Amino acid sequence: MALKIYLDTQDYRYLYTNRNPEREKIYQYLCNQVDQGKIEIFYSYIIVGEFLTNYDKKYKNDREERVQFMKRLCKSNTFVHLNRLVKVNDPFSPDGDWTPLTLHLENAKTTAKQLTDYLSKVNKQLKKTLKGNVSVADLIRQQPNIYNLKLEQKDFPFPLPEQFIKTNIFMRYICGEVSEKSLLNILKEVYIDLDKFLLLWFEHSKQKDFLYDNIQEQGLKLTGIVQMFKEELEKITKIKSLIKTHESDLKIPESRARFKADMQSIKADLISLESLDTQFLKKHIPESALALYPDSFLELLISYARYCIKTNRPVSQSDGADIMNAAYLPYCDFWRGDLSFCDILIRQKVKGYENVVNRLVNLPDAIESKLNSKGLET
């Protein structure tokens, strides 16, 4: 069975841009191992968002070349999106779908709202009627001029396949004539193919850095959770110090008894570094948010929080994408990441830490060693 490998975004940039002899040697080695079927390199939503970011037309040729570069290394090997790990048994996408579980559905819902807003502006009758309680679907069915309205790419808030537009499938979806599954299948066909995705996005995107901005937003939320841990622990430390300082000052037995009763209640809510775990997460994070992530990822968050607390390391917003990338570590034979973040994973002994390779230059030797141990010498 081929070794499964996950490269960091910086690795793709490093191997793609201005390859010197050392970089070229690593690149050719990886390509040879891929061609021989001894390794499989997987990419994810984060890699697509960071490596192919910025859809300004002046970068179009370069981004097309980057797609071919990725396909040379990865073929169609992708990890499912982080939010789908909790819903699937196999993290390796069988059809190359790197997108979030909710991306297409949310896009459809967003489009429904924005298209309705658009129609209400261009159609006075619709604008007037929308003030009442008539549903948009009923209204569209009742007015053929709206139902048969010829839409164009510019009418939508983000790029959509031509088939999606020409068949009027969106109007039919709003009216309940087309299932959500059929709608999503059409969207999925375009979005998971990097060539089609890139072409569509460069030609029609109104959000030049949609994927990158989405990753940054998710990363900010994750590091915000960690910051909350730190602040909670700081409060706990102050309370413990206060207890120690004032407990001996209480001279009146009744007051002492009452104080001790209060302290028992407070202590029940206190959390030490050792007990900082997923139960704490479940107590302080909305259930709807927790449901998006597998337990292994929540444990990863805890490990990162513990490290920041123990070493007084500032919680860095830039670590957000590293945390998301590390969600795939348990499923890899070798995982690559930022040097300092690799050090955190190894020091904290997170699940799969033995498979962390802290420098790209060390990856070929690590692969050779593992292949030799499996009797698959190159």
Protein backbone atom coordinates (compact mmCIF):
# COMPACT_ATOMS: atom_id res chain seq x y z
CA MET A 1 0.00 0.00 0.00
CA ALA A 2 1.31 3.45 -0.94
CA LEU A 3 2.50 5.79 1.81
CA LYS A 4 0.12 8.69 2.34
CA ILE A 5 1.78 12.09 2.56
CA TYR A 6 0.52 15.58 3.34
CA LEU A 7 2.61 18.58 2.30
CA ASP A 8 2.42 22.08 3.76
CA THR A 9 1.40 25.03 1.57
CA GLN A 10 4.95 26.35 1.92
CA ASP A 11 6.22 23.06 0.44
CA TYR A 12 4.16 23.58 -2.69
CA ARG A 13 5.46 27.15 -2.98
CA TYR A 14 9.00 26.04 -2.27
CA LEU A 15 8.96 23.33 -4.93
CA TYR A 16 7.03 25.39 -7.47
CA THR A 17 8.94 28.68 -7.35
CA ASN A 18 12.52 29.06 -8.62
CA ARG A 19 13.60 25.49 -8.06
CA ASN A 20 17.31 25.34 -7.25
CA PRO A 21 19.18 22.01 -7.57
CA GLU A 22 18.18 20.92 -4.06
CA ARG A 23 14.50 21.70 -4.63
CA GLU A 24 14.56 20.08 -8.05
CA LYS A 25 16.04 16.92 -6.56
CA ILE A 26 13.27 16.71 -3.96
CA TYR A 27 10.59 17.41 -6.56
CA GLN A 28 11.86 14.77 -8.97
CA TYR A 29 12.16 12.25 -6.13
CA LEU A 30 8.55 12.80 -5.09
CA CYS A 31 7.33 12.59 -8.70
CA ASN A 32 9.23 9.31 -9.23
CA GLN A 33 7.76 7.78 -6.08
CA VAL A 34 4.27 8.89 -7.12
CA ASP A 35 4.76 7.37 -10.60
CA GLN A 36 5.90 4.10 -9.07
CA GLY A 37 2.83 4.00 -6.85
CA LYS A 38 4.90 4.00 -3.66
CA ILE A 39 3.56 7.26 -2.28
CA GLU A 40 0.34 9.24 -2.61
CA ILE A 41 0.37 12.96 -1.87
CA PHE A 42 -2.94 14.43 -0.68
CA TYR A 43 -4.07 18.03 -0.74
CA SER A 44 -6.94 19.69 1.10
CA TYR A 45 -9.20 22.73 1.07
CA ILE A 46 -6.53 24.69 2.93
CA ILE A 47 -3.90 24.00 0.27
CA VAL A 48 -6.26 25.05 -2.53
CA GLY A 49 -7.18 28.22 -0.69
CA GLU A 50 -3.61 29.23 0.16
CA PHE A 51 -1.66 28.01 -2.89
CA LEU A 52 -4.16 29.12 -5.55
CA THR A 53 -5.28 32.31 -3.82
CA ASN A 54 -5.88 35.67 -5.52
CA TYR A 55 -8.04 35.46 -8.62
CA ASP A 56 -6.88 38.71 -10.21
CA LYS A 57 -6.70 38.08 -13.96
CA LYS A 58 -3.02 39.04 -14.09
CA TYR A 59 -2.27 35.84 -12.12
CA LYS A 60 -4.41 33.57 -14.29
CA ASN A 61 -1.57 31.89 -16.23
CA ASP A 62 0.47 31.35 -13.08
CA ARG A 63 -2.47 29.83 -11.20
CA GLU A 64 -3.21 27.50 -14.13
CA GLU A 65 0.40 26.34 -14.00
CA ARG A 66 0.08 25.83 -10.24
CA VAL A 67 -2.94 23.59 -10.79
CA GLN A 68 -0.95 21.41 -13.21
CA PHE A 69 1.90 21.34 -10.70
CA MET A 70 -0.48 20.15 -7.96
CA LYS A 71 -2.00 17.53 -10.24
CA ARG A 72 1.46 16.24 -11.13
CA LEU A 73 2.22 15.64 -7.46
CA CYS A 74 -1.21 14.74 -6.13
CA LYS A 75 -3.20 13.52 -9.14
CA SER A 76 -6.76 13.49 -7.76
CA ASN A 77 -5.81 12.57 -4.19
CA THR A 78 -7.65 14.79 -1.74
CA PHE A 79 -8.68 14.79 1.88
CA VAL A 80 -12.29 15.54 2.64
CA HIS A 81 -12.88 18.94 4.19
CA LEU A 82 -12.24 19.26 7.93
CA ASN A 83 -15.95 19.69 8.65
CA ARG A 84 -16.66 16.39 6.90
CA LEU A 85 -14.19 14.32 8.92
CA VAL A 86 -16.78 13.91 11.65
CA LYS A 87 -19.36 12.57 9.17
CA VAL A 88 -17.31 10.11 7.12
CA ASN A 89 -15.36 6.98 7.99
CA ASP A 90 -12.77 7.52 5.26
CA PRO A 91 -10.92 10.87 5.29
CA PHE A 92 -9.64 10.24 1.76
CA SER A 93 -12.16 11.57 -0.74
CA PRO A 94 -13.03 8.86 -3.31
CA ASP A 95 -14.06 11.38 -5.97
CA GLY A 96 -11.56 14.16 -5.35
CA ASP A 97 -14.01 16.38 -3.48
CA TRP A 98 -11.92 18.79 -1.42
CA THR A 99 -14.74 21.24 -0.70
CA PRO A 100 -16.63 21.64 2.59
CA LEU A 101 -19.76 19.59 3.15
CA THR A 102 -21.78 22.78 3.43
CA LEU A 103 -20.08 24.88 0.73
CA HIS A 104 -22.42 24.00 -2.13
CA LEU A 105 -25.53 24.03 0.01
CA GLU A 106 -24.66 27.36 1.61
CA ASN A 107 -23.86 28.75 -1.83
CA ALA A 108 -27.28 27.63 -3.05
CA LYS A 109 -28.98 29.27 -0.07
CA THR A 110 -26.93 32.43 -0.50
CA THR A 111 -27.78 32.51 -4.17
CA ALA A 112 -31.49 32.06 -3.39
CA LYS A 113 -31.46 35.09 -1.15
CA GLN A 114 -29.35 37.28 -3.42
CA LEU A 115 -31.28 36.28 -6.52
CA THR A 116 -34.52 37.14 -4.77
CA ASP A 117 -33.08 40.52 -3.83
CA TYR A 118 -31.96 41.00 -7.42
CA LEU A 119 -35.37 40.10 -8.84
CA SER A 120 -37.14 42.36 -6.38
CA LYS A 121 -35.12 45.28 -7.71
CA VAL A 122 -35.64 44.64 -11.41
CA ASN A 123 -39.30 43.54 -11.17
CA LYS A 124 -41.61 46.12 -9.64
CA GLN A 125 -44.47 43.65 -9.20
CA LEU A 126 -42.21 41.26 -7.29
CA LYS A 127 -40.84 44.10 -5.20
CA LYS A 128 -44.36 45.17 -4.28
CA THR A 129 -45.58 41.63 -3.56
CA LEU A 130 -42.59 40.70 -1.39
CA LYS A 131 -43.87 43.16 1.17
CA GLY A 132 -46.67 40.69 1.86
CA ASN A 133 -46.50 37.10 3.05
CA VAL A 134 -46.47 35.33 -0.32
CA SER A 135 -43.57 32.89 -0.60
CA VAL A 136 -40.98 33.54 -3.29
CA ALA A 137 -41.60 30.08 -4.75
CA ASP A 138 -45.36 30.67 -5.08
CA LEU A 139 -44.76 34.09 -6.54
CA ILE A 140 -42.34 32.78 -9.15
CA ARG A 141 -44.76 30.01 -10.12
CA GLN A 142 -47.55 32.53 -10.54
CA GLN A 143 -45.53 34.82 -12.77
CA PRO A 144 -44.09 33.14 -15.89
CA ASN A 145 -42.09 36.25 -16.76
CA ILE A 146 -40.11 35.72 -13.56
CA TYR A 147 -39.97 31.93 -13.75
CA ASN A 148 -38.63 32.10 -17.32
CA LEU A 149 -36.34 35.03 -16.68
CA LYS A 150 -33.06 34.45 -18.54
CA LEU A 151 -30.31 34.77 -16.00
CA GLU A 152 -26.66 35.47 -16.68
CA GLN A 153 -23.48 34.78 -14.75
CA LYS A 154 -23.39 38.37 -13.53
CA ASP A 155 -26.74 37.90 -11.78
CA PHE A 156 -25.22 35.48 -9.27
CA PRO A 157 -23.06 36.38 -6.26
CA PHE A 158 -20.35 33.82 -7.20
CA PRO A 159 -19.34 31.73 -10.25
CA LEU A 160 -21.72 28.98 -11.34
CA PRO A 161 -21.60 26.36 -14.12
CA GLU A 162 -23.17 27.31 -17.46
CA GLN A 163 -25.42 24.24 -17.23
CA PHE A 164 -26.69 25.58 -13.93
CA ILE A 165 -27.72 28.83 -15.58
CA LYS A 166 -28.91 27.70 -19.02
CA THR A 167 -31.28 25.00 -17.73
CA ASN A 168 -32.96 27.46 -15.37
CA ILE A 169 -32.34 24.84 -12.69
CA PHE A 170 -32.09 27.44 -9.97
CA MET A 171 -35.65 28.72 -10.50
CA ARG A 172 -36.85 25.13 -10.58
CA TYR A 173 -34.97 24.45 -7.33
CA ILE A 174 -36.61 27.44 -5.61
CA CYS A 175 -40.02 26.19 -6.74
CA GLY A 176 -39.35 22.69 -5.43
CA GLU A 177 -39.25 21.07 -8.88
CA VAL A 178 -35.60 20.03 -8.60
CA SER A 179 -34.13 18.28 -5.56
CA GLU A 180 -31.33 19.71 -3.52
CA LYS A 181 -29.25 16.63 -4.38
CA SER A 182 -29.57 17.29 -8.12
CA LEU A 183 -28.67 20.91 -7.61
CA LEU A 184 -25.59 20.06 -5.57
CA ASN A 185 -24.42 17.41 -8.04
CA ILE A 186 -24.25 20.04 -10.79
CA LEU A 187 -22.34 22.41 -8.53
CA LYS A 188 -20.04 19.65 -7.31
CA GLU A 189 -19.10 18.60 -10.84
CA VAL A 190 -17.43 21.96 -11.44
CA TYR A 191 -16.08 22.80 -8.03
CA ILE A 192 -14.07 19.64 -7.35
CA ASP A 193 -12.22 19.80 -10.71
CA LEU A 194 -9.39 22.26 -10.12
CA ASP A 195 -9.10 23.22 -13.81
CA LYS A 196 -12.83 23.97 -14.12
CA PHE A 197 -12.94 25.59 -10.72
CA LEU A 198 -10.07 27.92 -11.49
CA LEU A 199 -11.39 28.87 -14.93
CA LEU A 200 -14.83 29.60 -13.50
CA TRP A 201 -13.43 31.62 -10.63
CA PHE A 202 -11.07 33.72 -12.76
CA GLU A 203 -13.72 34.46 -15.32
CA HIS A 204 -16.55 35.37 -12.99
CA SER A 205 -15.41 35.71 -9.39
CA LYS A 206 -16.64 38.72 -7.47
CA GLN A 207 -14.74 37.54 -4.39
CA LYS A 208 -11.11 37.34 -5.47
CA ASP A 209 -9.88 35.65 -2.32
CA PHE A 210 -13.04 33.82 -1.24
CA LEU A 211 -11.31 30.57 -0.23
CA TYR A 212 -8.34 32.26 1.41
CA ASP A 213 -10.58 34.63 3.36
CA ASN A 214 -12.71 31.68 4.47
CA ILE A 215 -9.62 29.86 5.77
CA GLN A 216 -8.45 32.97 7.61
CA GLU A 217 -11.89 33.35 9.19
CA GLN A 218 -11.92 29.73 10.38
CA GLY A 219 -8.37 30.07 11.68
CA LEU A 220 -9.32 33.18 13.61
CA LYS A 221 -12.20 31.31 15.27
CA LEU A 222 -9.94 28.43 16.27
CA THR A 223 -7.22 30.64 17.74
CA GLY A 224 -9.99 32.58 19.48
CA ILE A 225 -10.99 29.36 21.25
CA VAL A 226 -7.40 28.84 22.38
CA GLN A 227 -7.19 32.43 23.62
CA MET A 228 -10.33 31.75 25.65
CA PHE A 229 -8.56 28.78 27.28
CA LYS A 230 -5.64 30.97 28.28
CA GLU A 231 -7.87 33.67 29.73
CA GLU A 232 -9.90 31.06 31.63
CA LEU A 233 -6.80 29.55 33.15
CA GLU A 234 -5.48 32.99 34.13
CA LYS A 235 -8.74 33.69 35.97
CA ILE A 236 -8.51 30.33 37.69
CA THR A 237 -4.94 31.04 38.80
CA LYS A 238 -5.97 34.41 40.27
CA ILE A 239 -8.90 32.83 42.13
CA LYS A 240 -6.64 30.16 43.61
CA SER A 241 -4.17 32.81 44.70
CA LEU A 242 -6.99 34.81 46.27
CA ILE A 243 -8.24 31.74 48.13
CA LYS A 244 -4.76 31.04 49.51
CA THR A 245 -4.25 34.66 50.56
CA HIS A 246 -7.54 35.25 52.33
CA GLU A 247 -8.50 31.85 53.69
CA SER A 248 -6.18 32.22 56.71
CA ASP A 249 -7.42 35.76 57.40
CA LEU A 250 -10.88 34.61 58.33
CA LYS A 251 -11.08 34.50 62.14
CA ILE A 252 -14.82 34.12 62.73
CA PRO A 253 -15.90 30.44 62.61
CA GLU A 254 -19.29 31.25 61.03
CA SER A 255 -17.67 33.31 58.31
CA ARG A 256 -15.04 30.65 57.77
CA ALA A 257 -17.71 27.97 57.38
CA ARG A 258 -19.65 30.10 54.94
CA PHE A 259 -16.45 30.96 53.08
CA LYS A 260 -15.49 27.30 52.81
CA ALA A 261 -18.91 26.43 51.43
CA ASP A 262 -18.55 29.14 48.82
CA MET A 263 -15.06 27.92 47.98
CA GLN A 264 -16.31 24.38 47.44
CA SER A 265 -18.71 25.73 44.86
CA ILE A 266 -16.00 27.79 43.20
CA LYS A 267 -13.48 24.96 43.24
CA ALA A 268 -15.97 22.69 41.52
CA ASP A 269 -15.84 25.03 38.53
CA LEU A 270 -12.08 25.44 38.54
CA ILE A 271 -10.04 23.70 35.90
CA SER A 272 -6.36 22.88 36.13
CA LEU A 273 -3.96 22.46 33.23
CA GLU A 274 -4.18 18.67 33.57
CA SER A 275 -7.97 18.65 33.26
CA LEU A 276 -8.13 20.95 30.27
CA ASP A 277 -9.91 18.55 27.93
CA THR A 278 -12.78 18.07 25.54
CA GLN A 279 -15.28 18.23 28.41
CA PHE A 280 -14.20 21.81 28.96
CA LEU A 281 -14.71 22.47 25.24
CA LYS A 282 -18.18 21.00 25.34
CA LYS A 283 -19.05 23.20 28.31
CA HIS A 284 -17.87 26.44 26.73
CA ILE A 285 -18.34 26.00 22.97
CA PRO A 286 -21.77 25.86 21.27
CA GLU A 287 -22.79 22.29 20.45
CA SER A 288 -23.47 23.27 16.84
CA ALA A 289 -19.83 24.36 16.47
CA LEU A 290 -18.40 21.29 18.22
CA ALA A 291 -20.44 19.01 15.96
CA LEU A 292 -18.35 20.14 13.00
CA TYR A 293 -15.12 18.63 14.32
CA PRO A 294 -13.99 15.09 15.20
CA ASP A 295 -12.70 14.38 18.71
CA SER A 296 -9.12 14.00 17.43
CA PHE A 297 -9.24 17.59 16.21
CA LEU A 298 -10.63 18.86 19.52
CA GLU A 299 -7.77 17.05 21.29
CA LEU A 300 -5.37 18.81 18.93
CA LEU A 301 -6.83 22.17 19.96
CA ILE A 302 -6.39 21.27 23.62
CA SER A 303 -2.76 20.26 23.04
CA TYR A 304 -2.03 23.56 21.32
CA ALA A 305 -3.74 25.46 24.15
CA ARG A 306 -1.72 23.58 26.78
CA TYR A 307 1.52 24.38 24.98
CA CYS A 308 0.68 28.09 24.74
CA ILE A 309 -0.20 28.16 28.44
CA LYS A 310 2.88 26.23 29.64
CA THR A 311 5.35 28.23 27.54
CA ASN A 312 3.47 31.55 27.69
CA ARG A 313 3.54 31.49 23.90
CA PRO A 314 1.28 34.13 22.32
CA VAL A 315 -1.72 32.65 20.51
CA SER A 316 -0.91 33.43 16.89
CA GLN A 317 -3.65 33.99 14.34
CA SER A 318 -1.33 32.52 11.71
CA ASP A 319 -1.41 29.21 13.60
CA GLY A 320 -5.08 28.81 12.63
CA ALA A 321 -4.31 27.31 9.20
CA ASP A 322 -1.57 25.12 10.75
CA ILE A 323 -4.11 23.74 13.23
CA MET A 324 -6.51 22.93 10.39
CA ASN A 325 -3.74 21.26 8.38
CA ALA A 326 -2.78 19.20 11.42
CA ALA A 327 -6.29 17.72 11.52
CA TYR A 328 -5.07 15.33 8.81
CA LEU A 329 -1.98 14.20 10.74
CA PRO A 330 -3.57 11.02 12.23
CA TYR A 331 -4.34 9.75 8.72
CA CYS A 332 -0.88 10.23 7.20
CA ASP A 333 2.31 8.21 7.05
CA PHE A 334 4.15 11.52 6.84
CA TRP A 335 2.89 15.02 7.54
CA ARG A 336 4.62 18.30 6.82
CA GLY A 337 4.03 21.66 8.46
CA ASP A 338 5.64 24.89 9.57
CA LEU A 339 8.86 24.20 11.53
CA SER A 340 7.74 25.85 14.78
CA PHE A 341 4.31 24.23 14.60
CA CYS A 342 5.88 20.82 13.94
CA ASP A 343 7.87 21.36 17.13
CA ILE A 344 4.65 21.98 19.09
CA LEU A 345 3.03 18.79 17.75
CA ILE A 346 6.10 16.72 18.63
CA ARG A 347 6.55 18.24 22.09
CA GLN A 348 2.87 17.75 22.92
CA LYS A 349 2.91 14.21 21.47
CA VAL A 350 -0.36 14.72 19.65
CA LYS A 351 -1.93 11.76 17.90
CA GLY A 352 0.35 10.79 14.99
CA TYR A 353 3.24 13.00 16.10
CA GLU A 354 5.71 10.24 15.14
CA ASN A 355 4.84 10.95 11.49
CA VAL A 356 5.69 14.64 11.60
CA VAL A 357 8.62 15.61 9.36
CA ASN A 358 9.82 19.02 10.49
CA ARG A 359 11.80 19.90 7.33
CA LEU A 360 10.98 19.19 3.70
CA VAL A 361 14.61 18.34 3.00
CA ASN A 362 14.27 15.41 5.44
CA LEU A 363 11.22 13.95 3.72
CA PRO A 364 12.98 11.80 1.06
CA ASP A 365 15.10 10.03 3.70
CA ALA A 366 12.03 9.47 5.89
CA ILE A 367 10.19 7.94 2.92
CA GLU A 368 13.16 5.73 2.05
CA SER A 369 13.43 4.48 5.60
CA LYS A 370 9.73 3.61 5.81
CA LEU A 371 9.74 1.92 2.38
CA ASN A 372 12.76 -0.14 3.37
CA SER A 373 11.08 -1.21 6.60
CA LYS A 374 8.13 -2.41 4.53
CA GLY A 375 10.37 -4.19 2.05
CA LEU A 376 9.55 -1.74 -0.74
CA GLU A 377 13.01 -0.44 -1.55
CA THR A 378 13.18 2.19 -4.28
